Amino acid sequence: MGSQEKTDDIQKDDSKIKQQRLIGVAIAVILIVVIALWLTRGGEPEVEPAPVLEPVEQIAEPEPMPEPEPEPMPEPMPEPEPEPLPEPEPAPEPEPEPEPLPPLNEASDVVLQELAEQEVNIQPVQAENMLRKLVVFVDNIARGEIVREAAVINGPQSRFIVQRIDGQIYVDERSYSRYNDIVSWFYEMDTDVLVDQFERFQPVFEEAFGEIKEPGLTFEERVLDAIAILLDTPEPRGLLALSDEEVMYTYADPELENLPAAQKQMLRIGPDNRALVKSKLREIRQRLSQ
């Protein structure tokens, strides 16, 4: 039995040696394969090429419809500014007290003085008792009459001139120039000043008119009546024929001769002067009616 065991031990040792040899051969083979692969690839590991991707046609997606812009919000209405409180009106300054009017007997000089202070030419006017005379003169013109004693200005100094043509007597037109100066004086007077002074002294005029007036009339109404009479004077054309059958010349045309004395006086001053006087009278009438 002892030899048998030795034989078994020897066999086991031989088997181990064989196994060890096989393992060593296998390792050697693996090393040889690895070295061979390294030498054939230049010592660098082969990089696997990246796969080529074929381009894929992309279908463009339709652009989205633009969203509608939102409507702008209406601007808020501005708040109304508060109305300013009305400023209190300043208290009106008291009007100065008008100067007391002079009594009738002294008023003529005061009226003329105030007219002169307002650059009105008063040289042709007769100052003595002027207001009473003027009231009487105006009242008579309103009746169509002329009272020369009540005139407050002097008449022309030159003589009345006539001319004879084919046996007929006519007014010489040179006679009209006798009135040029007095008509120019009247026409150039400031209408506003005249009316203002008349209105200021109207109570004095009314007092003077009260001495001669008919009941129910005012002096202003009488002034307007006198202006109407003078403005109604007709405008004959051509030379005015005269008759010498009376002591004084008369108009040969009965219509002219039958005119009121105030209108016949308007004929004597001539057409040019008459136009100026009528123009001034219309201004005065319009100003009095305001």
C-alpha atoms as a PDB file:
ATOM      1  CA  MET A   1       0.000   0.000   0.000  1.00  0.00           C
ATOM      2  CA  GLY A   2       2.917   2.294   0.602  1.00  0.00           C
ATOM      3  CA  SER A   3       4.238   2.128  -2.947  1.00  0.00           C
ATOM      4  CA  GLN A   4       0.804   2.720  -4.330  1.00  0.00           C
ATOM      5  CA  GLU A   5       0.481   6.003  -2.530  1.00  0.00           C
ATOM      6  CA  LYS A   6       3.798   7.180  -3.783  1.00  0.00           C
ATOM      7  CA  THR A   7       2.802   6.349  -7.277  1.00  0.00           C
ATOM      8  CA  ASP A   8      -0.371   8.437  -6.834  1.00  0.00           C
ATOM      9  CA  ASP A   9       1.607  11.344  -5.477  1.00  0.00           C
ATOM     10  CA  ILE A  10       3.931  11.318  -8.423  1.00  0.00           C
ATOM     11  CA  GLN A  11       0.987  11.346 -10.809  1.00  0.00           C
ATOM     12  CA  LYS A  12      -0.553  14.337  -9.064  1.00  0.00           C
ATOM     13  CA  ASP A  13       2.723  16.225  -9.299  1.00  0.00           C
ATOM     14  CA  ASP A  14       2.954  15.496 -13.013  1.00  0.00           C
ATOM     15  CA  SER A  15      -0.588  16.783 -13.529  1.00  0.00           C
ATOM     16  CA  LYS A  16       0.167  20.081 -11.811  1.00  0.00           C
ATOM     17  CA  ILE A  17       3.295  20.558 -13.874  1.00  0.00           C
ATOM     18  CA  LYS A  18       1.341  19.967 -17.103  1.00  0.00           C
ATOM     19  CA  GLN A  19      -1.340  22.455 -16.051  1.00  0.00           C
ATOM     20  CA  GLN A  20       1.254  25.067 -15.273  1.00  0.00           C
ATOM     21  CA  ARG A  21       2.857  24.596 -18.674  1.00  0.00           C
ATOM     22  CA  LEU A  22      -0.469  24.944 -20.453  1.00  0.00           C
ATOM     23  CA  ILE A  23      -1.195  28.188 -18.633  1.00  0.00           C
ATOM     24  CA  GLY A  24       2.211  29.572 -19.529  1.00  0.00           C
ATOM     25  CA  VAL A  25       1.750  28.677 -23.203  1.00  0.00           C
ATOM     26  CA  ALA A  26      -1.665  30.382 -23.246  1.00  0.00           C
ATOM     27  CA  ILE A  27      -0.278  33.564 -21.759  1.00  0.00           C
ATOM     28  CA  ALA A  28       2.569  33.561 -24.282  1.00  0.00           C
ATOM     29  CA  VAL A  29       0.132  33.144 -27.175  1.00  0.00           C
ATOM     30  CA  ILE A  30      -1.997  36.067 -25.924  1.00  0.00           C
ATOM     31  CA  LEU A  31       1.054  38.332 -25.661  1.00  0.00           C
ATOM     32  CA  ILE A  32       2.173  37.441 -29.180  1.00  0.00           C
ATOM     33  CA  VAL A  33      -1.298  38.257 -30.593  1.00  0.00           C
ATOM     34  CA  VAL A  34      -1.392  41.624 -28.806  1.00  0.00           C
ATOM     35  CA  ILE A  35       2.097  42.593 -30.008  1.00  0.00           C
ATOM     36  CA  ALA A  36       1.244  41.602 -33.586  1.00  0.00           C
ATOM     37  CA  LEU A  37      -1.887  43.762 -33.566  1.00  0.00           C
ATOM     38  CA  TRP A  38       0.013  46.763 -32.181  1.00  0.00           C
ATOM     39  CA  LEU A  39       2.710  46.522 -34.848  1.00  0.00           C
ATOM     40  CA  THR A  40       0.216  46.341 -37.771  1.00  0.00           C
ATOM     41  CA  ARG A  41      -1.692  49.531 -36.682  1.00  0.00           C
ATOM     42  CA  GLY A  42       1.220  51.868 -36.233  1.00  0.00           C
ATOM     43  CA  GLY A  43       1.058  51.743 -32.578  1.00  0.00           C
ATOM     44  CA  GLU A  44      -2.213  53.765 -32.448  1.00  0.00           C
ATOM     45  CA  PRO A  45      -5.610  52.360 -31.837  1.00  0.00           C
ATOM     46  CA  GLU A  46      -7.797  52.522 -34.878  1.00  0.00           C
ATOM     47  CA  VAL A  47     -10.510  55.136 -34.559  1.00  0.00           C
ATOM     48  CA  GLU A  48     -13.826  53.989 -35.748  1.00  0.00           C
ATOM     49  CA  PRO A  49     -15.157  56.517 -38.301  1.00  0.00           C
ATOM     50  CA  ALA A  50     -18.249  58.417 -37.300  1.00  0.00           C
ATOM     51  CA  PRO A  51     -21.351  57.348 -39.151  1.00  0.00           C
ATOM     52  CA  VAL A  52     -22.298  59.708 -42.049  1.00  0.00           C
ATOM     53  CA  LEU A  53     -25.782  61.050 -41.590  1.00  0.00           C
ATOM     54  CA  GLU A  54     -27.672  61.848 -44.746  1.00  0.00           C
ATOM     55  CA  PRO A  55     -29.348  65.281 -44.638  1.00  0.00           C
ATOM     56  CA  VAL A  56     -32.982  65.074 -43.894  1.00  0.00           C
ATOM     57  CA  GLU A  57     -35.124  67.525 -45.875  1.00  0.00           C
ATOM     58  CA  GLN A  58     -36.930  69.667 -43.433  1.00  0.00           C
ATOM     59  CA  ILE A  59     -40.365  70.835 -44.301  1.00  0.00           C
ATOM     60  CA  ALA A  60     -40.836  74.461 -43.290  1.00  0.00           C
ATOM     61  CA  GLU A  61     -43.647  74.811 -40.948  1.00  0.00           C
ATOM     62  CA  PRO A  62     -46.130  77.519 -41.934  1.00  0.00           C
ATOM     63  CA  GLU A  63     -45.482  80.772 -40.169  1.00  0.00           C
ATOM     64  CA  PRO A  64     -48.100  81.387 -37.580  1.00  0.00           C
ATOM     65  CA  MET A  65     -50.612  84.105 -38.406  1.00  0.00           C
ATOM     66  CA  PRO A  66     -49.720  87.271 -36.580  1.00  0.00           C
ATOM     67  CA  GLU A  67     -51.965  87.898 -33.744  1.00  0.00           C
ATOM     68  CA  PRO A  68     -54.072  91.028 -34.253  1.00  0.00           C
ATOM     69  CA  GLU A  69     -52.662  93.989 -32.491  1.00  0.00           C
ATOM     70  CA  PRO A  70     -54.827  94.935 -29.623  1.00  0.00           C
ATOM     71  CA  GLU A  71     -56.812  98.099 -30.197  1.00  0.00           C
ATOM     72  CA  PRO A  72     -55.246 100.964 -28.333  1.00  0.00           C
ATOM     73  CA  MET A  73     -56.992 101.818 -25.205  1.00  0.00           C
ATOM     74  CA  PRO A  74     -58.705 105.190 -25.531  1.00  0.00           C
ATOM     75  CA  GLU A  75     -56.852 107.889 -23.783  1.00  0.00           C
ATOM     76  CA  PRO A  76     -58.644 108.894 -20.662  1.00  0.00           C
ATOM     77  CA  MET A  77     -60.592 112.078 -21.024  1.00  0.00           C
ATOM     78  CA  PRO A  78     -58.767 114.873 -19.286  1.00  0.00           C
ATOM     79  CA  GLU A  79     -60.532 116.028 -16.262  1.00  0.00           C
ATOM     80  CA  PRO A  80     -62.061 119.422 -16.887  1.00  0.00           C
ATOM     81  CA  GLU A  81     -60.129 122.181 -15.356  1.00  0.00           C
ATOM     82  CA  PRO A  82     -62.061 123.819 -12.621  1.00  0.00           C
ATOM     83  CA  GLU A  83     -63.596 127.029 -13.791  1.00  0.00           C
ATOM     84  CA  PRO A  84     -61.843 129.959 -12.262  1.00  0.00           C
ATOM     85  CA  LEU A  85     -63.869 131.778  -9.780  1.00  0.00           C
ATOM     86  CA  PRO A  86     -65.000 135.078 -11.208  1.00  0.00           C
ATOM     87  CA  GLU A  87     -62.970 137.898  -9.903  1.00  0.00           C
ATOM     88  CA  PRO A  88     -65.068 140.349  -8.052  1.00  0.00           C
ATOM     89  CA  GLU A  89     -65.748 143.359 -10.156  1.00  0.00           C
ATOM     90  CA  PRO A  90     -64.029 146.398  -8.831  1.00  0.00           C
ATOM     91  CA  ALA A  91     -66.339 148.898  -7.404  1.00  0.00           C
ATOM     92  CA  PRO A  92     -67.037 151.542 -10.034  1.00  0.00           C
ATOM     93  CA  GLU A  93     -65.353 154.772  -9.397  1.00  0.00           C
ATOM     94  CA  PRO A  94     -67.868 157.396  -8.511  1.00  0.00           C
ATOM     95  CA  GLU A  95     -68.506 159.713 -11.394  1.00  0.00           C
ATOM     96  CA  PRO A  96     -67.420 163.221 -10.691  1.00  0.00           C
ATOM     97  CA  GLU A  97     -70.214 165.511  -9.828  1.00  0.00           C
ATOM     98  CA  PRO A  98     -71.041 167.734 -12.822  1.00  0.00           C
ATOM     99  CA  GLU A  99     -70.329 171.342 -12.294  1.00  0.00           C
ATOM    100  CA  PRO A 100     -73.489 173.190 -11.383  1.00  0.00           C
ATOM    101  CA  LEU A 101     -75.037 174.999 -14.310  1.00  0.00           C
ATOM    102  CA  PRO A 102     -75.049 178.771 -14.253  1.00  0.00           C
ATOM    103  CA  PRO A 103     -78.327 180.686 -14.170  1.00  0.00           C
ATOM    104  CA  LEU A 104     -79.852 181.585 -17.516  1.00  0.00           C
ATOM    105  CA  ASN A 105     -78.719 185.221 -17.422  1.00  0.00           C
ATOM    106  CA  GLU A 106     -75.066 184.156 -17.006  1.00  0.00           C
ATOM    107  CA  ALA A 107     -75.058 180.989 -19.098  1.00  0.00           C
ATOM    108  CA  SER A 108     -74.175 182.544 -22.491  1.00  0.00           C
ATOM    109  CA  ASP A 109     -70.655 183.516 -21.436  1.00  0.00           C
ATOM    110  CA  VAL A 110     -70.050 180.121 -19.794  1.00  0.00           C
ATOM    111  CA  VAL A 111     -71.189 178.212 -22.894  1.00  0.00           C
ATOM    112  CA  LEU A 112     -68.925 180.238 -25.174  1.00  0.00           C
ATOM    113  CA  GLN A 113     -65.993 179.885 -22.790  1.00  0.00           C
ATOM    114  CA  GLU A 114     -66.313 176.104 -22.683  1.00  0.00           C
ATOM    115  CA  LEU A 115     -66.608 175.951 -26.482  1.00  0.00           C
ATOM    116  CA  ALA A 116     -63.436 178.024 -26.806  1.00  0.00           C
ATOM    117  CA  GLU A 117     -61.628 175.679 -24.391  1.00  0.00           C
ATOM    118  CA  GLN A 118     -62.495 172.826 -26.754  1.00  0.00           C
ATOM    119  CA  GLU A 119     -60.994 174.714 -29.696  1.00  0.00           C
ATOM    120  CA  VAL A 120     -64.285 175.765 -31.252  1.00  0.00           C
ATOM    121  CA  ASN A 121     -64.063 179.057 -33.102  1.00  0.00           C
ATOM    122  CA  ILE A 122     -66.560 181.396 -31.412  1.00  0.00           C
ATOM    123  CA  GLN A 123     -65.393 184.635 -33.092  1.00  0.00           C
ATOM    124  CA  PRO A 124     -68.495 185.167 -35.267  1.00  0.00           C
ATOM    125  CA  VAL A 125     -70.896 184.693 -32.338  1.00  0.00           C
ATOM    126  CA  GLN A 126     -72.502 187.625 -30.528  1.00  0.00           C
ATOM    127  CA  ALA A 127     -72.216 186.761 -26.844  1.00  0.00           C
ATOM    128  CA  GLU A 128     -74.777 189.137 -25.392  1.00  0.00           C
ATOM    129  CA  ASN A 129     -77.913 187.240 -24.355  1.00  0.00           C
ATOM    130  CA  MET A 130     -76.893 184.524 -26.826  1.00  0.00           C
ATOM    131  CA  LEU A 131     -78.913 181.647 -25.341  1.00  0.00           C
ATOM    132  CA  ARG A 132     -82.234 183.451 -25.405  1.00  0.00           C
ATOM    133  CA  LYS A 133     -81.608 184.748 -28.954  1.00  0.00           C
ATOM    134  CA  LEU A 134     -80.596 181.299 -30.190  1.00  0.00           C
ATOM    135  CA  VAL A 135     -83.722 179.719 -28.730  1.00  0.00           C
ATOM    136  CA  VAL A 136     -85.945 182.325 -30.421  1.00  0.00           C
ATOM    137  CA  PHE A 137     -84.073 181.952 -33.745  1.00  0.00           C
ATOM    138  CA  VAL A 138     -84.414 178.148 -33.733  1.00  0.00           C
ATOM    139  CA  ASP A 139     -88.094 178.315 -32.769  1.00  0.00           C
ATOM    140  CA  ASN A 140     -88.809 180.623 -35.692  1.00  0.00           C
ATOM    141  CA  ILE A 141     -86.907 178.468 -38.200  1.00  0.00           C
ATOM    142  CA  ALA A 142     -89.030 175.514 -37.050  1.00  0.00           C
ATOM    143  CA  ARG A 143     -92.024 177.658 -38.065  1.00  0.00           C
ATOM    144  CA  GLY A 144     -90.327 178.382 -41.401  1.00  0.00           C
ATOM    145  CA  GLU A 145     -89.631 181.976 -40.484  1.00  0.00           C
ATOM    146  CA  ILE A 146     -86.497 184.104 -40.120  1.00  0.00           C
ATOM    147  CA  VAL A 147     -86.177 186.629 -37.311  1.00  0.00           C
ATOM    148  CA  ARG A 148     -82.986 188.496 -38.121  1.00  0.00           C
ATOM    149  CA  GLU A 149     -83.039 190.364 -34.805  1.00  0.00           C
ATOM    150  CA  ALA A 150     -82.612 187.025 -33.048  1.00  0.00           C
ATOM    151  CA  ALA A 151     -79.643 185.918 -35.162  1.00  0.00           C
ATOM    152  CA  VAL A 152     -76.495 185.320 -33.085  1.00  0.00           C
ATOM    153  CA  ILE A 153     -74.149 185.866 -36.063  1.00  0.00           C
ATOM    154  CA  ASN A 154     -73.929 188.731 -38.491  1.00  0.00           C
ATOM    155  CA  GLY A 155     -75.006 188.324 -42.074  1.00  0.00           C
ATOM    156  CA  PRO A 156     -72.843 189.072 -45.130  1.00  0.00           C
ATOM    157  CA  GLN A 157     -71.794 192.668 -45.663  1.00  0.00           C
ATOM    158  CA  SER A 158     -71.564 192.661 -49.472  1.00  0.00           C
ATOM    159  CA  ARG A 159     -74.572 193.479 -51.654  1.00  0.00           C
ATOM    160  CA  PHE A 160     -76.842 191.030 -53.409  1.00  0.00           C
ATOM    161  CA  ILE A 161     -75.968 190.871 -57.157  1.00  0.00           C
ATOM    162  CA  VAL A 162     -78.289 190.158 -60.069  1.00  0.00           C
ATOM    163  CA  GLN A 163     -77.742 189.828 -63.809  1.00  0.00           C
ATOM    164  CA  ARG A 164     -80.020 190.443 -66.755  1.00  0.00           C
ATOM    165  CA  ILE A 165     -80.050 187.985 -69.668  1.00  0.00           C
ATOM    166  CA  ASP A 166     -82.357 188.607 -72.644  1.00  0.00           C
ATOM    167  CA  GLY A 167     -84.525 190.904 -70.533  1.00  0.00           C
ATOM    168  CA  GLN A 168     -84.870 188.402 -67.665  1.00  0.00           C
ATOM    169  CA  ILE A 169     -83.322 189.070 -64.244  1.00  0.00           C
ATOM    170  CA  TYR A 170     -81.442 186.193 -62.591  1.00  0.00           C
ATOM    171  CA  VAL A 171     -79.515 185.738 -59.395  1.00  0.00           C
ATOM    172  CA  ASP A 172     -75.843 186.344 -60.158  1.00  0.00           C
ATOM    173  CA  GLU A 173     -73.968 183.274 -58.913  1.00  0.00           C
ATOM    174  CA  ARG A 174     -71.292 185.559 -57.517  1.00  0.00           C
ATOM    175  CA  SER A 175     -73.821 186.490 -54.834  1.00  0.00           C
ATOM    176  CA  TYR A 176     -73.489 183.010 -53.342  1.00  0.00           C
ATOM    177  CA  SER A 177     -69.861 183.587 -52.396  1.00  0.00           C
ATOM    178  CA  ARG A 178     -71.004 186.186 -49.834  1.00  0.00           C
ATOM    179  CA  TYR A 179     -71.933 183.266 -47.584  1.00  0.00           C
ATOM    180  CA  ASN A 180     -68.783 181.167 -48.067  1.00  0.00           C
ATOM    181  CA  ASP A 181     -67.043 182.258 -44.883  1.00  0.00           C
ATOM    182  CA  ILE A 182     -69.982 181.808 -42.547  1.00  0.00           C
ATOM    183  CA  VAL A 183     -70.929 178.448 -44.101  1.00  0.00           C
ATOM    184  CA  SER A 184     -67.335 177.186 -43.804  1.00  0.00           C
ATOM    185  CA  TRP A 185     -67.269 178.258 -40.154  1.00  0.00           C
ATOM    186  CA  PHE A 186     -70.482 176.346 -39.428  1.00  0.00           C
ATOM    187  CA  TYR A 187     -69.434 173.267 -41.386  1.00  0.00           C
ATOM    188  CA  GLU A 188     -66.019 172.984 -39.710  1.00  0.00           C
ATOM    189  CA  MET A 189     -67.375 173.078 -36.157  1.00  0.00           C
ATOM    190  CA  ASP A 190     -66.941 169.827 -34.200  1.00  0.00           C
ATOM    191  CA  THR A 191     -70.348 168.155 -34.194  1.00  0.00           C
ATOM    192  CA  ASP A 192     -69.627 166.068 -31.103  1.00  0.00           C
ATOM    193  CA  VAL A 193     -68.576 169.112 -29.117  1.00  0.00           C
ATOM    194  CA  LEU A 194     -71.644 171.048 -30.208  1.00  0.00           C
ATOM    195  CA  VAL A 195     -74.025 168.253 -29.225  1.00  0.00           C
ATOM    196  CA  ASP A 196     -72.201 167.524 -25.966  1.00  0.00           C
ATOM    197  CA  GLN A 197     -72.449 171.171 -24.959  1.00  0.00           C
ATOM    198  CA  PHE A 198     -76.088 171.302 -25.961  1.00  0.00           C
ATOM    199  CA  GLU A 199     -76.847 168.240 -23.813  1.00  0.00           C
ATOM    200  CA  ARG A 200     -74.866 169.625 -20.872  1.00  0.00           C
ATOM    201  CA  PHE A 201     -76.709 172.942 -20.937  1.00  0.00           C
ATOM    202  CA  GLN A 202     -80.049 171.519 -22.031  1.00  0.00           C
ATOM    203  CA  PRO A 203     -81.794 172.453 -18.761  1.00  0.00           C
ATOM    204  CA  VAL A 204     -80.768 176.075 -19.347  1.00  0.00           C
ATOM    205  CA  PHE A 205     -81.985 175.929 -22.973  1.00  0.00           C
ATOM    206  CA  GLU A 206     -85.268 174.449 -21.754  1.00  0.00           C
ATOM    207  CA  GLU A 207     -85.596 177.250 -19.239  1.00  0.00           C
ATOM    208  CA  ALA A 208     -85.116 179.841 -21.991  1.00  0.00           C
ATOM    209  CA  PHE A 209     -87.516 177.949 -24.279  1.00  0.00           C
ATOM    210  CA  GLY A 210     -90.059 177.850 -21.479  1.00  0.00           C
ATOM    211  CA  GLU A 211     -90.419 181.619 -21.798  1.00  0.00           C
ATOM    212  CA  ILE A 212     -91.790 181.324 -25.361  1.00  0.00           C
ATOM    213  CA  LYS A 213     -92.810 177.699 -25.966  1.00  0.00           C
ATOM    214  CA  GLU A 214     -96.166 176.173 -26.612  1.00  0.00           C
ATOM    215  CA  PRO A 215     -97.296 173.620 -24.031  1.00  0.00           C
ATOM    216  CA  GLY A 216     -96.037 170.064 -24.575  1.00  0.00           C
ATOM    217  CA  LEU A 217     -92.890 170.951 -26.558  1.00  0.00           C
ATOM    218  CA  THR A 218     -89.237 170.564 -25.630  1.00  0.00           C
ATOM    219  CA  PHE A 219     -86.413 172.609 -27.086  1.00  0.00           C
ATOM    220  CA  GLU A 220     -84.693 169.496 -28.470  1.00  0.00           C
ATOM    221  CA  GLU A 221     -87.854 168.652 -30.407  1.00  0.00           C
ATOM    222  CA  ARG A 222     -87.873 172.211 -31.714  1.00  0.00           C
ATOM    223  CA  VAL A 223     -84.267 171.886 -32.860  1.00  0.00           C
ATOM    224  CA  LEU A 224     -85.149 168.720 -34.789  1.00  0.00           C
ATOM    225  CA  ASP A 225     -88.158 170.471 -36.358  1.00  0.00           C
ATOM    226  CA  ALA A 226     -85.939 173.365 -37.496  1.00  0.00           C
ATOM    227  CA  ILE A 227     -83.412 170.963 -39.015  1.00  0.00           C
ATOM    228  CA  ALA A 228     -86.198 169.163 -40.895  1.00  0.00           C
ATOM    229  CA  ILE A 229     -87.453 172.464 -42.386  1.00  0.00           C
ATOM    230  CA  LEU A 230     -83.980 173.382 -43.691  1.00  0.00           C
ATOM    231  CA  LEU A 231     -83.280 169.899 -45.063  1.00  0.00           C
ATOM    232  CA  ASP A 232     -86.564 169.999 -46.992  1.00  0.00           C
ATOM    233  CA  THR A 233     -85.355 172.965 -49.047  1.00  0.00           C
ATOM    234  CA  PRO A 234     -85.699 172.038 -52.747  1.00  0.00           C
ATOM    235  CA  GLU A 235     -82.731 171.932 -55.114  1.00  0.00           C
ATOM    236  CA  PRO A 236     -83.624 173.885 -58.230  1.00  0.00           C
ATOM    237  CA  ARG A 237     -81.277 173.623 -61.198  1.00  0.00           C
ATOM    238  CA  GLY A 238     -79.802 176.372 -63.275  1.00  0.00           C
ATOM    239  CA  LEU A 239     -80.068 180.097 -62.802  1.00  0.00           C
ATOM    240  CA  LEU A 240     -82.846 181.343 -60.547  1.00  0.00           C
ATOM    241  CA  ALA A 241     -85.104 183.862 -62.278  1.00  0.00           C
ATOM    242  CA  LEU A 242     -86.220 186.919 -60.304  1.00  0.00           C
ATOM    243  CA  SER A 243     -89.030 189.424 -60.558  1.00  0.00           C
ATOM    244  CA  ASP A 244     -88.598 193.147 -59.756  1.00  0.00           C
ATOM    245  CA  GLU A 245     -92.260 194.013 -59.668  1.00  0.00           C
ATOM    246  CA  GLU A 246     -92.116 194.446 -55.901  1.00  0.00           C
ATOM    247  CA  VAL A 247     -89.944 196.728 -53.804  1.00  0.00           C
ATOM    248  CA  MET A 248     -87.633 193.779 -53.220  1.00  0.00           C
ATOM    249  CA  TYR A 249     -86.726 191.045 -55.666  1.00  0.00           C
ATOM    250  CA  THR A 250     -88.937 187.980 -55.579  1.00  0.00           C
ATOM    251  CA  TYR A 251     -88.563 184.611 -57.290  1.00  0.00           C
ATOM    252  CA  ALA A 252     -90.227 184.473 -60.664  1.00  0.00           C
ATOM    253  CA  ASP A 253     -91.150 180.808 -60.093  1.00  0.00           C
ATOM    254  CA  PRO A 254     -94.267 180.821 -57.864  1.00  0.00           C
ATOM    255  CA  GLU A 255     -93.272 177.493 -56.248  1.00  0.00           C
ATOM    256  CA  LEU A 256     -89.996 178.977 -55.080  1.00  0.00           C
ATOM    257  CA  GLU A 257     -91.578 182.243 -54.009  1.00  0.00           C
ATOM    258  CA  ASN A 258     -94.156 180.400 -51.916  1.00  0.00           C
ATOM    259  CA  LEU A 259     -91.515 178.517 -49.954  1.00  0.00           C
ATOM    260  CA  PRO A 260     -91.116 179.320 -46.233  1.00  0.00           C
ATOM    261  CA  ALA A 261     -88.733 182.214 -45.574  1.00  0.00           C
ATOM    262  CA  ALA A 262     -86.234 179.844 -43.959  1.00  0.00           C
ATOM    263  CA  GLN A 263     -86.043 177.750 -47.149  1.00  0.00           C
ATOM    264  CA  LYS A 264     -85.767 180.818 -49.398  1.00  0.00           C
ATOM    265  CA  GLN A 265     -82.789 181.867 -47.287  1.00  0.00           C
ATOM    266  CA  MET A 266     -81.246 178.465 -48.011  1.00  0.00           C
ATOM    267  CA  LEU A 267     -81.690 179.185 -51.743  1.00  0.00           C
ATOM    268  CA  ARG A 268     -79.830 182.505 -51.387  1.00  0.00           C
ATOM    269  CA  ILE A 269     -76.628 180.847 -50.126  1.00  0.00           C
ATOM    270  CA  GLY A 270     -76.256 178.855 -53.371  1.00  0.00           C
ATOM    271  CA  PRO A 271     -76.114 175.127 -54.170  1.00  0.00           C
ATOM    272  CA  ASP A 272     -72.548 174.467 -52.973  1.00  0.00           C
ATOM    273  CA  ASN A 273     -73.004 176.173 -49.615  1.00  0.00           C
ATOM    274  CA  ARG A 274     -76.427 174.604 -49.259  1.00  0.00           C
ATOM    275  CA  ALA A 275     -74.917 171.119 -49.674  1.00  0.00           C
ATOM    276  CA  LEU A 276     -72.444 171.811 -46.857  1.00  0.00           C
ATOM    277  CA  VAL A 277     -75.116 173.155 -44.525  1.00  0.00           C
ATOM    278  CA  LYS A 278     -77.396 170.179 -45.165  1.00  0.00           C
ATOM    279  CA  SER A 279     -74.556 167.743 -44.565  1.00  0.00           C
ATOM    280  CA  LYS A 280     -73.783 169.359 -41.217  1.00  0.00           C
ATOM    281  CA  LEU A 281     -77.418 169.416 -40.195  1.00  0.00           C
ATOM    282  CA  ARG A 282     -77.723 165.676 -40.925  1.00  0.00           C
ATOM    283  CA  GLU A 283     -74.709 165.000 -38.696  1.00  0.00           C
ATOM    284  CA  ILE A 284     -76.236 167.011 -35.867  1.00  0.00           C
ATOM    285  CA  ARG A 285     -79.603 165.300 -36.239  1.00  0.00           C
ATOM    286  CA  GLN A 286     -78.028 161.843 -36.225  1.00  0.00           C
ATOM    287  CA  ARG A 287     -75.930 162.684 -33.163  1.00  0.00           C
ATOM    288  CA  LEU A 288     -78.961 164.036 -31.289  1.00  0.00           C
ATOM    289  CA  SER A 289     -80.891 160.850 -32.087  1.00  0.00           C
ATOM    290  CA  GLN A 290     -78.301 158.524 -30.535  1.00  0.00           C
END
